[in-house]
Amino acid sequence: MSRRANCWDNAPMESFFASLKKELVHHENYQTREEAKASIFEYIEVFYNRQRRHSSLGYKSPAEYEQSELS
């Protein structure tokens, strides 16, 4: 791990949380913590990991990228 003031090892997580907030959380009004947990779980497992296109993967979804790497 890097030392204080070296921020690059935290950059991927900060990018993910920024996407999560912009694409989901700021558009929702959760009534309970359980409702928020279920919504965020669905976002990550269904949309982010399977459908959302990632620039670092050549604008493919992770599922598409894995399929293209296996074939």
PDB file of N, CA and C in Angstrom:
ATOM      1  N   MET A   1       0.840  -1.178   0.000  1.00  0.00           N
ATOM      2  CA  MET A   1       0.000   0.000   0.000  1.00  0.00           C
ATOM      3  C   MET A   1       0.886   1.242   0.000  1.00  0.00           C
ATOM      4  N   SER A   2       0.311   2.290  -0.506  1.00  0.00           N
ATOM      5  CA  SER A   2       1.075   3.529  -0.570  1.00  0.00           C
ATOM      6  C   SER A   2       1.051   4.251   0.777  1.00  0.00           C
ATOM      7  N   ARG A   3       1.837   5.268   0.838  1.00  0.00           N
ATOM      8  CA  ARG A   3       1.895   6.062   2.061  1.00  0.00           C
ATOM      9  C   ARG A   3       0.941   7.244   1.984  1.00  0.00           C
ATOM     10  N   ARG A   4       0.871   7.988   3.040  1.00  0.00           N
ATOM     11  CA  ARG A   4       0.007   9.149   3.101  1.00  0.00           C
ATOM     12  C   ARG A   4       0.301  10.099   1.934  1.00  0.00           C
ATOM     13  N   ALA A   5      -0.768  10.627   1.348  1.00  0.00           N
ATOM     14  CA  ALA A   5      -0.723  11.566   0.216  1.00  0.00           C
ATOM     15  C   ALA A   5      -0.509  10.865  -1.119  1.00  0.00           C
ATOM     16  N   ASN A   6      -0.395   9.537  -1.139  1.00  0.00           N
ATOM     17  CA  ASN A   6      -0.342   8.776  -2.387  1.00  0.00           C
ATOM     18  C   ASN A   6      -1.714   8.152  -2.583  1.00  0.00           C
ATOM     19  N   CYS A   7      -2.534   8.767  -3.407  1.00  0.00           N
ATOM     20  CA  CYS A   7      -3.944   8.394  -3.458  1.00  0.00           C
ATOM     21  C   CYS A   7      -4.289   7.378  -4.539  1.00  0.00           C
ATOM     22  N   TRP A   8      -3.361   6.956  -5.367  1.00  0.00           N
ATOM     23  CA  TRP A   8      -3.733   6.160  -6.525  1.00  0.00           C
ATOM     24  C   TRP A   8      -4.261   4.774  -6.208  1.00  0.00           C
ATOM     25  N   ASP A   9      -3.952   4.183  -5.090  1.00  0.00           N
ATOM     26  CA  ASP A   9      -4.468   2.843  -4.829  1.00  0.00           C
ATOM     27  C   ASP A   9      -5.928   2.869  -4.399  1.00  0.00           C
ATOM     28  N   ASN A  10      -6.483   4.018  -4.050  1.00  0.00           N
ATOM     29  CA  ASN A  10      -7.880   4.122  -3.677  1.00  0.00           C
ATOM     30  C   ASN A  10      -8.745   4.611  -4.849  1.00  0.00           C
ATOM     31  N   ALA A  11      -8.126   5.000  -5.936  1.00  0.00           N
ATOM     32  CA  ALA A  11      -8.836   5.585  -7.075  1.00  0.00           C
ATOM     33  C   ALA A  11      -9.908   4.667  -7.668  1.00  0.00           C
ATOM     34  N   PRO A  12      -9.675   3.358  -7.855  1.00  0.00           N
ATOM     35  CA  PRO A  12     -10.739   2.509  -8.413  1.00  0.00           C
ATOM     36  C   PRO A  12     -11.996   2.471  -7.547  1.00  0.00           C
ATOM     37  N   MET A  13     -11.834   2.412  -6.244  1.00  0.00           N
ATOM     38  CA  MET A  13     -13.011   2.378  -5.370  1.00  0.00           C
ATOM     39  C   MET A  13     -13.728   3.718  -5.366  1.00  0.00           C
ATOM     40  N   GLU A  14     -12.979   4.809  -5.386  1.00  0.00           N
ATOM     41  CA  GLU A  14     -13.620   6.122  -5.441  1.00  0.00           C
ATOM     42  C   GLU A  14     -14.388   6.288  -6.745  1.00  0.00           C
ATOM     43  N   SER A  15     -13.852   5.772  -7.824  1.00  0.00           N
ATOM     44  CA  SER A  15     -14.540   5.830  -9.112  1.00  0.00           C
ATOM     45  C   SER A  15     -15.825   5.005  -9.069  1.00  0.00           C
ATOM     46  N   PHE A  16     -15.760   3.802  -8.490  1.00  0.00           N
ATOM     47  CA  PHE A  16     -16.943   2.959  -8.378  1.00  0.00           C
ATOM     48  C   PHE A  16     -18.029   3.646  -7.551  1.00  0.00           C
ATOM     49  N   PHE A  17     -17.662   4.182  -6.391  1.00  0.00           N
ATOM     50  CA  PHE A  17     -18.665   4.818  -5.537  1.00  0.00           C
ATOM     51  C   PHE A  17     -19.242   6.071  -6.183  1.00  0.00           C
ATOM     52  N   ALA A  18     -18.454   6.791  -6.962  1.00  0.00           N
ATOM     53  CA  ALA A  18     -18.979   7.945  -7.693  1.00  0.00           C
ATOM     54  C   ALA A  18     -20.022   7.487  -8.709  1.00  0.00           C
ATOM     55  N   SER A  19     -19.733   6.397  -9.427  1.00  0.00           N
ATOM     56  CA  SER A  19     -20.701   5.851 -10.391  1.00  0.00           C
ATOM     57  C   SER A  19     -21.968   5.387  -9.689  1.00  0.00           C
ATOM     58  N   LEU A  20     -21.814   4.699  -8.588  1.00  0.00           N
ATOM     59  CA  LEU A  20     -22.963   4.218  -7.820  1.00  0.00           C
ATOM     60  C   LEU A  20     -23.854   5.377  -7.394  1.00  0.00           C
ATOM     61  N   LYS A  21     -23.252   6.419  -6.885  1.00  0.00           N
ATOM     62  CA  LYS A  21     -24.041   7.572  -6.430  1.00  0.00           C
ATOM     63  C   LYS A  21     -24.725   8.273  -7.597  1.00  0.00           C
ATOM     64  N   LYS A  22     -23.990   8.505  -8.698  1.00  0.00           N
ATOM     65  CA  LYS A  22     -24.567   9.219  -9.837  1.00  0.00           C
ATOM     66  C   LYS A  22     -25.662   8.423 -10.530  1.00  0.00           C
ATOM     67  N   GLU A  23     -25.463   7.117 -10.671  1.00  0.00           N
ATOM     68  CA  GLU A  23     -26.376   6.298 -11.454  1.00  0.00           C
ATOM     69  C   GLU A  23     -27.542   5.728 -10.653  1.00  0.00           C
ATOM     70  N   LEU A  24     -27.439   5.678  -9.333  1.00  0.00           N
ATOM     71  CA  LEU A  24     -28.496   5.034  -8.557  1.00  0.00           C
ATOM     72  C   LEU A  24     -28.935   5.839  -7.346  1.00  0.00           C
ATOM     73  N   VAL A  25     -28.060   6.046  -6.421  1.00  0.00           N
ATOM     74  CA  VAL A  25     -28.438   6.532  -5.096  1.00  0.00           C
ATOM     75  C   VAL A  25     -29.085   7.917  -5.128  1.00  0.00           C
ATOM     76  N   HIS A  26     -28.552   8.836  -5.924  1.00  0.00           N
ATOM     77  CA  HIS A  26     -29.100  10.195  -5.942  1.00  0.00           C
ATOM     78  C   HIS A  26     -30.488  10.263  -6.584  1.00  0.00           C
ATOM     79  N   HIS A  27     -30.901   9.197  -7.274  1.00  0.00           N
ATOM     80  CA  HIS A  27     -32.208   9.173  -7.928  1.00  0.00           C
ATOM     81  C   HIS A  27     -33.252   8.425  -7.102  1.00  0.00           C
ATOM     82  N   GLU A  28     -32.867   7.909  -5.957  1.00  0.00           N
ATOM     83  CA  GLU A  28     -33.760   7.100  -5.135  1.00  0.00           C
ATOM     84  C   GLU A  28     -34.078   7.811  -3.820  1.00  0.00           C
ATOM     85  N   ASN A  29     -35.193   7.409  -3.221  1.00  0.00           N
ATOM     86  CA  ASN A  29     -35.573   7.886  -1.896  1.00  0.00           C
ATOM     87  C   ASN A  29     -35.914   6.641  -1.074  1.00  0.00           C
ATOM     88  N   TYR A  30     -34.928   6.114  -0.367  1.00  0.00           N
ATOM     89  CA  TYR A  30     -35.099   4.877   0.381  1.00  0.00           C
ATOM     90  C   TYR A  30     -35.843   5.130   1.692  1.00  0.00           C
ATOM     91  N   GLN A  31     -36.802   4.263   1.988  1.00  0.00           N
ATOM     92  CA  GLN A  31     -37.559   4.370   3.234  1.00  0.00           C
ATOM     93  C   GLN A  31     -36.885   3.612   4.374  1.00  0.00           C
ATOM     94  N   THR A  32     -36.219   2.503   4.040  1.00  0.00           N
ATOM     95  CA  THR A  32     -35.547   1.698   5.069  1.00  0.00           C
ATOM     96  C   THR A  32     -34.139   1.346   4.603  1.00  0.00           C
ATOM     97  N   ARG A  33     -33.333   0.939   5.557  1.00  0.00           N
ATOM     98  CA  ARG A  33     -31.976   0.505   5.250  1.00  0.00           C
ATOM     99  C   ARG A  33     -31.999  -0.773   4.408  1.00  0.00           C
ATOM    100  N   GLU A  34     -32.942  -1.667   4.697  1.00  0.00           N
ATOM    101  CA  GLU A  34     -33.057  -2.911   3.926  1.00  0.00           C
ATOM    102  C   GLU A  34     -33.400  -2.634   2.459  1.00  0.00           C
ATOM    103  N   GLU A  35     -34.266  -1.667   2.232  1.00  0.00           N
ATOM    104  CA  GLU A  35     -34.616  -1.284   0.864  1.00  0.00           C
ATOM    105  C   GLU A  35     -33.376  -0.760   0.127  1.00  0.00           C
ATOM    106  N   ALA A  36     -32.568   0.037   0.795  1.00  0.00           N
ATOM    107  CA  ALA A  36     -31.337   0.559   0.203  1.00  0.00           C
ATOM    108  C   ALA A  36     -30.358  -0.568  -0.096  1.00  0.00           C
ATOM    109  N   LYS A  37     -30.197  -1.496   0.846  1.00  0.00           N
ATOM    110  CA  LYS A  37     -29.282  -2.617   0.642  1.00  0.00           C
ATOM    111  C   LYS A  37     -29.696  -3.471  -0.549  1.00  0.00           C
ATOM    112  N   ALA A  38     -30.992  -3.748  -0.678  1.00  0.00           N
ATOM    113  CA  ALA A  38     -31.487  -4.564  -1.784  1.00  0.00           C
ATOM    114  C   ALA A  38     -31.282  -3.849  -3.123  1.00  0.00           C
ATOM    115  N   SER A  39     -31.540  -2.570  -3.155  1.00  0.00           N
ATOM    116  CA  SER A  39     -31.384  -1.798  -4.382  1.00  0.00           C
ATOM    117  C   SER A  39     -29.924  -1.738  -4.816  1.00  0.00           C
ATOM    118  N   ILE A  40     -29.034  -1.494  -3.878  1.00  0.00           N
ATOM    119  CA  ILE A  40     -27.607  -1.414  -4.197  1.00  0.00           C
ATOM    120  C   ILE A  40     -27.073  -2.779  -4.608  1.00  0.00           C
ATOM    121  N   PHE A  41     -27.509  -3.844  -3.939  1.00  0.00           N
ATOM    122  CA  PHE A  41     -27.094  -5.191  -4.331  1.00  0.00           C
ATOM    123  C   PHE A  41     -27.520  -5.487  -5.772  1.00  0.00           C
ATOM    124  N   GLU A  42     -28.757  -5.155  -6.108  1.00  0.00           N
ATOM    125  CA  GLU A  42     -29.245  -5.392  -7.465  1.00  0.00           C
ATOM    126  C   GLU A  42     -28.455  -4.568  -8.478  1.00  0.00           C
ATOM    127  N   TYR A  43     -28.150  -3.326  -8.150  1.00  0.00           N
ATOM    128  CA  TYR A  43     -27.359  -2.479  -9.041  1.00  0.00           C
ATOM    129  C   TYR A  43     -25.998  -3.112  -9.329  1.00  0.00           C
ATOM    130  N   ILE A  44     -25.331  -3.563  -8.278  1.00  0.00           N
ATOM    131  CA  ILE A  44     -23.983  -4.117  -8.449  1.00  0.00           C
ATOM    132  C   ILE A  44     -24.029  -5.446  -9.189  1.00  0.00           C
ATOM    133  N   GLU A  45     -24.858  -6.379  -8.737  1.00  0.00           N
ATOM    134  CA  GLU A  45     -24.859  -7.731  -9.298  1.00  0.00           C
ATOM    135  C   GLU A  45     -25.521  -7.825 -10.663  1.00  0.00           C
ATOM    136  N   VAL A  46     -26.583  -7.071 -10.881  1.00  0.00           N
ATOM    137  CA  VAL A  46     -27.328  -7.204 -12.137  1.00  0.00           C
ATOM    138  C   VAL A  46     -26.841  -6.206 -13.175  1.00  0.00           C
ATOM    139  N   PHE A  47     -26.745  -4.948 -12.814  1.00  0.00           N
ATOM    140  CA  PHE A  47     -26.412  -3.928 -13.805  1.00  0.00           C
ATOM    141  C   PHE A  47     -24.905  -3.722 -13.950  1.00  0.00           C
ATOM    142  N   TYR A  48     -24.224  -3.376 -12.885  1.00  0.00           N
ATOM    143  CA  TYR A  48     -22.815  -2.978 -12.959  1.00  0.00           C
ATOM    144  C   TYR A  48     -21.925  -4.120 -13.456  1.00  0.00           C
ATOM    145  N   ASN A  49     -22.117  -5.312 -12.948  1.00  0.00           N
ATOM    146  CA  ASN A  49     -21.249  -6.432 -13.319  1.00  0.00           C
ATOM    147  C   ASN A  49     -21.647  -7.132 -14.615  1.00  0.00           C
ATOM    148  N   ARG A  50     -22.894  -6.984 -15.064  1.00  0.00           N
ATOM    149  CA  ARG A  50     -23.336  -7.755 -16.226  1.00  0.00           C
ATOM    150  C   ARG A  50     -23.691  -6.919 -17.442  1.00  0.00           C
ATOM    151  N   GLN A  51     -24.154  -5.684 -17.233  1.00  0.00           N
ATOM    152  CA  GLN A  51     -24.662  -4.905 -18.358  1.00  0.00           C
ATOM    153  C   GLN A  51     -23.898  -3.617 -18.618  1.00  0.00           C
ATOM    154  N   ARG A  52     -23.457  -2.937 -17.576  1.00  0.00           N
ATOM    155  CA  ARG A  52     -22.840  -1.618 -17.742  1.00  0.00           C
ATOM    156  C   ARG A  52     -21.532  -1.733 -18.510  1.00  0.00           C
ATOM    157  N   ARG A  53     -21.339  -0.855 -19.475  1.00  0.00           N
ATOM    158  CA  ARG A  53     -20.118  -0.851 -20.273  1.00  0.00           C
ATOM    159  C   ARG A  53     -19.025  -0.093 -19.515  1.00  0.00           C
ATOM    160  N   HIS A  54     -17.816  -0.646 -19.534  1.00  0.00           N
ATOM    161  CA  HIS A  54     -16.684  -0.069 -18.816  1.00  0.00           C
ATOM    162  C   HIS A  54     -15.628   0.369 -19.823  1.00  0.00           C
ATOM    163  N   SER A  55     -15.175   1.604 -19.707  1.00  0.00           N
ATOM    164  CA  SER A  55     -14.176   2.111 -20.648  1.00  0.00           C
ATOM    165  C   SER A  55     -12.869   1.336 -20.552  1.00  0.00           C
ATOM    166  N   SER A  56     -12.514   0.864 -19.371  1.00  0.00           N
ATOM    167  CA  SER A  56     -11.261   0.123 -19.205  1.00  0.00           C
ATOM    168  C   SER A  56     -11.306  -1.259 -19.855  1.00  0.00           C
ATOM    169  N   LEU A  57     -12.499  -1.725 -20.220  1.00  0.00           N
ATOM    170  CA  LEU A  57     -12.652  -3.028 -20.883  1.00  0.00           C
ATOM    171  C   LEU A  57     -12.979  -2.858 -22.359  1.00  0.00           C
ATOM    172  N   GLY A  58     -12.658  -1.715 -22.923  1.00  0.00           N
ATOM    173  CA  GLY A  58     -12.954  -1.469 -24.323  1.00  0.00           C
ATOM    174  C   GLY A  58     -14.436  -1.244 -24.570  1.00  0.00           C
ATOM    175  N   TYR A  59     -15.106  -0.621 -23.626  1.00  0.00           N
ATOM    176  CA  TYR A  59     -16.548  -0.333 -23.693  1.00  0.00           C
ATOM    177  C   TYR A  59     -17.385  -1.592 -23.879  1.00  0.00           C
ATOM    178  N   LYS A  60     -16.978  -2.635 -23.166  1.00  0.00           N
ATOM    179  CA  LYS A  60     -17.755  -3.872 -23.087  1.00  0.00           C
ATOM    180  C   LYS A  60     -18.189  -4.050 -21.641  1.00  0.00           C
ATOM    181  N   SER A  61     -19.267  -4.801 -21.461  1.00  0.00           N
ATOM    182  CA  SER A  61     -19.647  -5.138 -20.091  1.00  0.00           C
ATOM    183  C   SER A  61     -18.675  -6.212 -19.594  1.00  0.00           C
ATOM    184  N   PRO A  62     -18.527  -6.366 -18.289  1.00  0.00           N
ATOM    185  CA  PRO A  62     -17.635  -7.414 -17.791  1.00  0.00           C
ATOM    186  C   PRO A  62     -18.010  -8.805 -18.316  1.00  0.00           C
ATOM    187  N   ALA A  63     -19.293  -9.081 -18.448  1.00  0.00           N
ATOM    188  CA  ALA A  63     -19.716 -10.388 -18.974  1.00  0.00           C
ATOM    189  C   ALA A  63     -19.287 -10.550 -20.430  1.00  0.00           C
ATOM    190  N   GLU A  64     -19.475  -9.500 -21.238  1.00  0.00           N
ATOM    191  CA  GLU A  64     -19.046  -9.556 -22.645  1.00  0.00           C
ATOM    192  C   GLU A  64     -17.535  -9.699 -22.749  1.00  0.00           C
ATOM    193  N   TYR A  65     -16.821  -8.985 -21.902  1.00  0.00           N
ATOM    194  CA  TYR A  65     -15.368  -9.042 -21.912  1.00  0.00           C
ATOM    195  C   TYR A  65     -14.865 -10.450 -21.578  1.00  0.00           C
ATOM    196  N   GLU A  66     -15.442 -11.060 -20.558  1.00  0.00           N
ATOM    197  CA  GLU A  66     -15.041 -12.428 -20.179  1.00  0.00           C
ATOM    198  C   GLU A  66     -15.316 -13.405 -21.303  1.00  0.00           C
ATOM    199  N   GLN A  67     -16.480 -13.272 -21.948  1.00  0.00           N
ATOM    200  CA  GLN A  67     -16.816 -14.172 -23.067  1.00  0.00           C
ATOM    201  C   GLN A  67     -15.822 -14.011 -24.208  1.00  0.00           C
ATOM    202  N   SER A  68     -15.455 -12.778 -24.521  1.00  0.00           N
ATOM    203  CA  SER A  68     -14.523 -12.556 -25.631  1.00  0.00           C
ATOM    204  C   SER A  68     -13.123 -13.050 -25.293  1.00  0.00           C
ATOM    205  N   GLU A  69     -12.741 -13.018 -24.022  1.00  0.00           N
ATOM    206  CA  GLU A  69     -11.434 -13.504 -23.611  1.00  0.00           C
ATOM    207  C   GLU A  69     -11.388 -15.040 -23.607  1.00  0.00           C
ATOM    208  N   LEU A  70     -12.501 -15.682 -23.350  1.00  0.00           N
ATOM    209  CA  LEU A  70     -12.536 -17.142 -23.310  1.00  0.00           C
ATOM    210  C   LEU A  70     -12.555 -17.759 -24.705  1.00  0.00           C
ATOM    211  N   SER A  71     -13.084 -17.019 -25.686  1.00  0.00           N
ATOM    212  CA  SER A  71     -13.176 -17.593 -27.033  1.00  0.00           C
ATOM    213  C   SER A  71     -11.999 -17.256 -27.883  1.00  0.00           C
TER     214      SER A  71
END
